[in-house]
Amino acid sequence: MDNKFQPEDHQYVRQLACKADKLRLEVKRKERLVKHNEMRIQRRKEMSDKRKKNAAEKAGRIAAISLIFDKGEIVKLKGQKLKDHLLAFQQAGAPHLQGITVRSTVQQIREAIQRAIDSYHDGDWAPFTCSETEEVTESEWEEIEE
């Protein structure tokens, strides 16, 4: 720069820098960046709160389910009720449900629950009572759902 710039060029660059300082462009850019980061943090917090609320609602819904030990009734279950029963059976410690998730096919879920019912009637297992189980955390629900 020293070889190519003339004193007028240096003066012009200094004037541009002075104008930029007066307009506070860099300060405004940093303020926008801070606001953007604060919005991202707030959005993440809201999503986390929403996930915790949904997990608590799901845990309450699953805890309120009374297990059905009639294979004919299980065949009639559809959609969310069937998935909730799967989770309730898993929470109760039913065997034969390894590898079965709420994303499994309806037929797989029904067959797994029916096998668990058969083992219950054969006396191989008994459902846990509420006092025997620990409260299920959000990460455990996510593992169960996968």
Protein backbone atom coordinates (compact mmCIF):
# COMPACT_ATOMS: atom_id res chain seq x y z
CA MET A 1 0.00 0.00 0.00
CA ASP A 2 2.79 2.39 0.83
CA ASN A 3 4.25 2.00 -2.69
CA LYS A 4 0.97 2.46 -4.59
CA PHE A 5 -1.05 4.74 -2.31
CA GLN A 6 -0.70 8.47 -2.55
CA PRO A 7 -1.37 10.73 0.45
CA GLU A 8 -4.84 11.47 -0.99
CA ASP A 9 -5.61 7.73 -1.06
CA HIS A 10 -4.65 7.36 2.59
CA GLN A 11 -6.80 10.35 3.46
CA TYR A 12 -9.78 8.90 1.53
CA VAL A 13 -9.49 5.53 3.33
CA ARG A 14 -9.32 7.32 6.69
CA GLN A 15 -12.46 9.30 5.80
CA LEU A 16 -14.33 6.09 4.89
CA ALA A 17 -13.28 4.53 8.19
CA CYS A 18 -14.41 7.65 10.04
CA LYS A 19 -17.82 7.56 8.29
CA ALA A 20 -18.21 3.88 9.13
CA ASP A 21 -17.41 4.62 12.76
CA LYS A 22 -19.95 7.43 12.82
CA LEU A 23 -22.64 5.17 11.35
CA ARG A 24 -21.73 2.48 13.92
CA LEU A 25 -22.07 -0.24 11.28
CA GLU A 26 -19.91 -2.76 13.14
CA VAL A 27 -21.73 -2.14 16.43
CA LYS A 28 -25.09 -2.59 14.71
CA ARG A 29 -23.90 -5.81 13.04
CA LYS A 30 -22.78 -7.21 16.40
CA GLU A 31 -26.10 -6.21 17.99
CA ARG A 32 -27.99 -8.05 15.25
CA LEU A 33 -25.77 -11.07 15.78
CA VAL A 34 -26.45 -11.04 19.53
CA LYS A 35 -30.21 -10.72 18.97
CA HIS A 36 -30.15 -13.59 16.50
CA ASN A 37 -28.26 -15.81 18.95
CA GLU A 38 -30.67 -14.90 21.76
CA MET A 39 -33.62 -15.84 19.54
CA ARG A 40 -31.99 -19.20 18.74
CA ILE A 41 -31.40 -19.88 22.43
CA GLN A 42 -35.01 -18.96 23.24
CA ARG A 43 -36.32 -21.19 20.44
CA ARG A 44 -34.23 -24.12 21.69
CA LYS A 45 -35.48 -23.59 25.24
CA GLU A 46 -39.09 -23.53 24.04
CA MET A 47 -38.58 -26.75 22.06
CA SER A 48 -36.97 -28.41 25.08
CA ASP A 49 -39.87 -27.34 27.30
CA LYS A 50 -42.32 -28.65 24.71
CA ARG A 51 -40.52 -32.02 24.56
CA LYS A 52 -40.57 -32.29 28.37
CA LYS A 53 -44.27 -31.42 28.47
CA ASN A 54 -45.09 -33.98 25.77
CA ALA A 55 -43.03 -36.64 27.57
CA ALA A 56 -44.87 -35.94 30.82
CA GLU A 57 -48.24 -36.14 29.07
CA LYS A 58 -47.25 -39.40 27.41
CA ALA A 59 -46.02 -40.88 30.70
CA GLY A 60 -49.31 -39.94 32.34
CA ARG A 61 -51.29 -41.40 29.46
CA ILE A 62 -49.31 -44.67 29.57
CA ALA A 63 -49.58 -44.90 33.36
CA ALA A 64 -53.37 -44.54 33.12
CA ILE A 65 -53.69 -47.55 30.80
CA SER A 66 -54.93 -50.74 32.35
CA LEU A 67 -53.39 -53.70 30.57
CA ILE A 68 -55.68 -55.84 28.46
CA PHE A 69 -54.98 -59.55 28.75
CA ASP A 70 -57.56 -60.62 26.15
CA LYS A 71 -55.96 -61.38 22.79
CA GLY A 72 -59.23 -60.71 21.00
CA GLU A 73 -59.36 -57.19 22.38
CA ILE A 74 -55.77 -56.52 21.30
CA VAL A 75 -56.72 -57.36 17.70
CA LYS A 76 -59.38 -54.62 17.84
CA LEU A 77 -56.93 -51.93 18.94
CA LYS A 78 -55.73 -49.49 16.30
CA GLY A 79 -53.46 -46.49 15.99
CA GLN A 80 -52.39 -44.65 19.10
CA LYS A 81 -54.27 -46.97 21.47
CA LEU A 82 -52.29 -49.94 20.17
CA LYS A 83 -49.02 -48.05 20.48
CA ASP A 84 -49.90 -46.92 23.98
CA HIS A 85 -50.65 -50.51 24.97
CA LEU A 86 -47.30 -51.59 23.57
CA LEU A 87 -45.57 -48.98 25.71
CA ALA A 88 -47.66 -49.98 28.73
CA PHE A 89 -46.71 -53.64 28.28
CA GLN A 90 -43.04 -52.67 27.91
CA GLN A 91 -43.25 -50.54 31.04
CA ALA A 92 -44.85 -53.46 32.88
CA GLY A 93 -41.84 -55.63 32.00
CA ALA A 94 -43.52 -57.91 29.49
CA PRO A 95 -41.23 -60.38 27.71
CA HIS A 96 -41.18 -60.90 23.93
CA LEU A 97 -41.21 -57.17 23.18
CA GLN A 98 -37.50 -56.75 22.43
CA GLY A 99 -36.97 -55.02 19.11
CA ILE A 100 -40.60 -53.93 18.88
CA THR A 101 -41.14 -50.17 18.83
CA VAL A 102 -44.09 -47.90 18.17
CA ARG A 103 -42.74 -47.61 14.61
CA SER A 104 -42.99 -51.35 14.04
CA THR A 105 -45.81 -52.60 11.86
CA VAL A 106 -49.22 -53.06 13.42
CA GLN A 107 -49.03 -56.80 12.84
CA GLN A 108 -45.66 -57.05 14.62
CA ILE A 109 -46.94 -55.05 17.57
CA ARG A 110 -50.09 -57.17 17.88
CA GLU A 111 -48.14 -60.44 17.64
CA ALA A 112 -45.62 -59.29 20.26
CA ILE A 113 -48.37 -58.21 22.67
CA GLN A 114 -50.21 -61.50 22.09
CA ARG A 115 -47.02 -63.45 22.89
CA ALA A 116 -46.66 -61.39 26.07
CA ILE A 117 -50.28 -62.17 26.98
CA ASP A 118 -49.63 -65.87 26.41
CA SER A 119 -46.60 -65.77 28.71
CA TYR A 120 -48.73 -63.93 31.30
CA HIS A 121 -51.41 -66.63 31.15
CA ASP A 122 -48.70 -69.32 31.36
CA GLY A 123 -47.44 -67.65 34.54
CA ASP A 124 -44.02 -66.71 33.12
CA TRP A 125 -44.30 -63.06 34.13
CA ALA A 126 -46.48 -60.67 36.07
CA PRO A 127 -46.79 -56.95 35.40
CA PHE A 128 -44.77 -54.60 37.57
CA THR A 129 -46.77 -52.47 39.95
CA CYS A 130 -46.31 -48.71 39.92
CA SER A 131 -44.20 -48.85 43.08
CA GLU A 132 -41.80 -51.33 41.48
CA THR A 133 -40.99 -49.17 38.47
CA GLU A 134 -39.01 -46.01 38.35
CA GLU A 135 -40.25 -42.93 36.62
CA VAL A 136 -39.36 -43.09 32.94
CA THR A 137 -37.18 -40.24 31.72
CA GLU A 138 -37.51 -38.45 28.40
CA SER A 139 -34.43 -40.17 26.94
CA GLU A 140 -35.79 -43.59 27.93
CA TRP A 141 -39.08 -42.80 26.15
CA GLU A 142 -37.11 -41.83 23.05
CA GLU A 143 -35.24 -45.16 23.21
CA ILE A 144 -38.49 -47.07 23.60
CA GLU A 145 -40.06 -45.27 20.64
CA GLU A 146 -37.13 -46.00 18.35
